[in-house]
Amino acid sequence: MFSNWMLVAVGGAVGALLRFSISEATPDTGFPWATLSVNLVGSLLLGLVTAATLTSALSESQALLLGVGLLGAFTTMSTFSVETITMVEAGHWGRAGAYVLASAILGPVLALAGWKSGQAIF
């Protein structure tokens, strides 16, 4: 049916469009709420997808579509990095620090929550 490459490409297109729409819909407040939100939601969902894949609730093809494609394009480390440096360059050290800490602490916590939830569900 679909090759693995096509599954990743389709998932990636959907994930990128979702991320862009969230960025466009989120007001600019001087703090990168849109990127933080997609990265945290993506962490939770990737934990869930991982658990579903490990328990064979999702096939390898579904995992490629959802995990690598959709969530890979939905989340963004590069934007996180640039937004952090932009805040530092503007002298907003407190905001930058809060952003880094929230991302570094909440991301793995939510990934674990998704993983554990997935293990309980699947």
Protein backbone atom coordinates (compact mmCIF):
# COMPACT_ATOMS: atom_id res chain seq x y z
CA MET A 1 0.00 0.00 0.00
CA PHE A 2 1.95 3.06 1.22
CA SER A 3 5.70 2.92 1.55
CA ASN A 4 7.26 3.91 4.86
CA TRP A 5 8.58 7.06 3.18
CA MET A 6 5.09 8.06 2.08
CA LEU A 7 3.64 7.43 5.54
CA VAL A 8 6.27 9.67 7.15
CA ALA A 9 5.74 12.34 4.47
CA VAL A 10 1.95 12.38 4.89
CA GLY A 11 2.21 12.44 8.69
CA GLY A 12 4.85 15.17 8.47
CA ALA A 13 2.68 17.34 6.24
CA VAL A 14 -0.24 17.07 8.65
CA GLY A 15 1.98 17.71 11.69
CA ALA A 16 3.59 20.77 10.12
CA LEU A 17 0.20 22.21 9.18
CA LEU A 18 -1.11 21.62 12.70
CA ARG A 19 1.93 23.33 14.23
CA PHE A 20 1.64 26.27 11.85
CA SER A 21 -2.08 26.68 12.58
CA ILE A 22 -1.43 26.70 16.34
CA SER A 23 1.35 29.26 15.89
CA GLU A 24 -0.93 31.45 13.82
CA ALA A 25 -3.82 31.17 16.30
CA THR A 26 -1.72 31.92 19.40
CA PRO A 27 -1.37 35.61 20.28
CA ASP A 28 2.17 37.01 20.53
CA THR A 29 2.66 37.83 24.21
CA GLY A 30 6.44 37.91 24.24
CA PHE A 31 6.56 34.30 25.45
CA PRO A 32 6.58 31.37 22.99
CA TRP A 33 3.39 29.70 24.21
CA ALA A 34 2.66 28.08 20.86
CA THR A 35 5.99 26.24 20.66
CA LEU A 36 5.89 25.25 24.32
CA SER A 37 2.35 23.92 23.87
CA VAL A 38 3.07 21.85 20.77
CA ASN A 39 6.26 20.45 22.28
CA LEU A 40 4.54 19.46 25.53
CA VAL A 41 1.46 17.99 23.81
CA GLY A 42 3.77 16.24 21.35
CA SER A 43 5.79 14.74 24.22
CA LEU A 44 2.65 13.37 25.84
CA LEU A 45 1.36 11.95 22.56
CA LEU A 46 4.70 10.43 21.57
CA GLY A 47 4.84 8.65 24.92
CA LEU A 48 1.38 7.26 24.18
CA VAL A 49 2.36 6.26 20.62
CA THR A 50 5.51 4.58 21.94
CA ALA A 51 3.58 2.52 24.48
CA ALA A 52 0.99 1.59 21.86
CA THR A 53 3.74 0.49 19.49
CA LEU A 54 5.60 -1.54 22.12
CA THR A 55 2.40 -3.38 23.06
CA SER A 56 1.58 -3.96 19.37
CA ALA A 57 -1.58 -1.84 19.60
CA LEU A 58 -0.07 0.16 16.73
CA SER A 59 1.72 -1.36 13.77
CA GLU A 60 5.13 -0.22 12.58
CA SER A 61 3.43 1.65 9.72
CA GLN A 62 1.06 3.45 12.09
CA ALA A 63 3.98 4.33 14.37
CA LEU A 64 5.88 5.82 11.43
CA LEU A 65 2.83 7.83 10.33
CA LEU A 66 1.99 9.13 13.81
CA GLY A 67 5.29 9.15 15.71
CA VAL A 68 7.93 9.96 13.14
CA GLY A 69 5.77 11.84 10.65
CA LEU A 70 2.98 13.69 12.43
CA LEU A 71 4.56 14.23 15.84
CA GLY A 72 8.05 14.70 14.41
CA ALA A 73 6.82 17.63 12.33
CA PHE A 74 4.39 18.87 14.99
CA THR A 75 7.10 19.34 17.62
CA THR A 76 10.15 21.46 17.08
CA MET A 77 13.50 21.57 18.82
CA SER A 78 14.95 24.06 16.36
CA THR A 79 12.25 26.68 16.99
CA PHE A 80 12.62 26.14 20.74
CA SER A 81 16.35 26.82 20.40
CA VAL A 82 15.96 29.97 18.30
CA GLU A 83 13.19 31.35 20.53
CA THR A 84 15.37 30.80 23.59
CA ILE A 85 18.31 32.64 22.03
CA THR A 86 15.99 35.44 20.85
CA MET A 87 14.76 35.99 24.41
CA VAL A 88 18.33 35.95 25.76
CA GLU A 89 19.50 38.42 23.10
CA ALA A 90 16.60 40.72 24.05
CA GLY A 91 17.66 40.57 27.71
CA HIS A 92 14.69 38.46 28.83
CA TRP A 93 16.74 36.01 30.85
CA GLY A 94 13.88 35.14 33.19
CA ARG A 95 11.54 34.26 30.34
CA ALA A 96 14.25 32.28 28.58
CA GLY A 97 15.06 30.38 31.77
CA ALA A 98 11.40 29.62 32.45
CA TYR A 99 10.98 28.41 28.88
CA VAL A 100 14.00 26.13 29.05
CA LEU A 101 13.01 24.72 32.44
CA ALA A 102 9.38 24.19 31.46
CA SER A 103 10.43 22.43 28.27
CA ALA A 104 13.17 20.33 29.88
CA ILE A 105 11.13 19.27 32.90
CA LEU A 106 7.55 19.11 31.66
CA GLY A 107 8.40 17.50 28.30
CA PRO A 108 9.88 14.30 29.77
CA VAL A 109 7.26 14.22 32.55
CA LEU A 110 4.48 14.36 29.96
CA ALA A 111 6.22 11.78 27.76
CA LEU A 112 6.35 9.47 30.79
CA ALA A 113 2.69 10.19 31.56
CA GLY A 114 1.73 9.33 28.01
CA TRP A 115 3.86 6.18 28.06
CA LYS A 116 2.40 4.98 31.37
CA SER A 117 -1.13 5.85 30.28
CA GLY A 118 -0.55 3.94 27.07
CA GLN A 119 0.68 0.90 28.98
CA ALA A 120 -2.45 1.00 31.14
CA ILE A 121 -4.76 1.42 28.12
CA PHE A 122 -3.11 -1.01 25.71
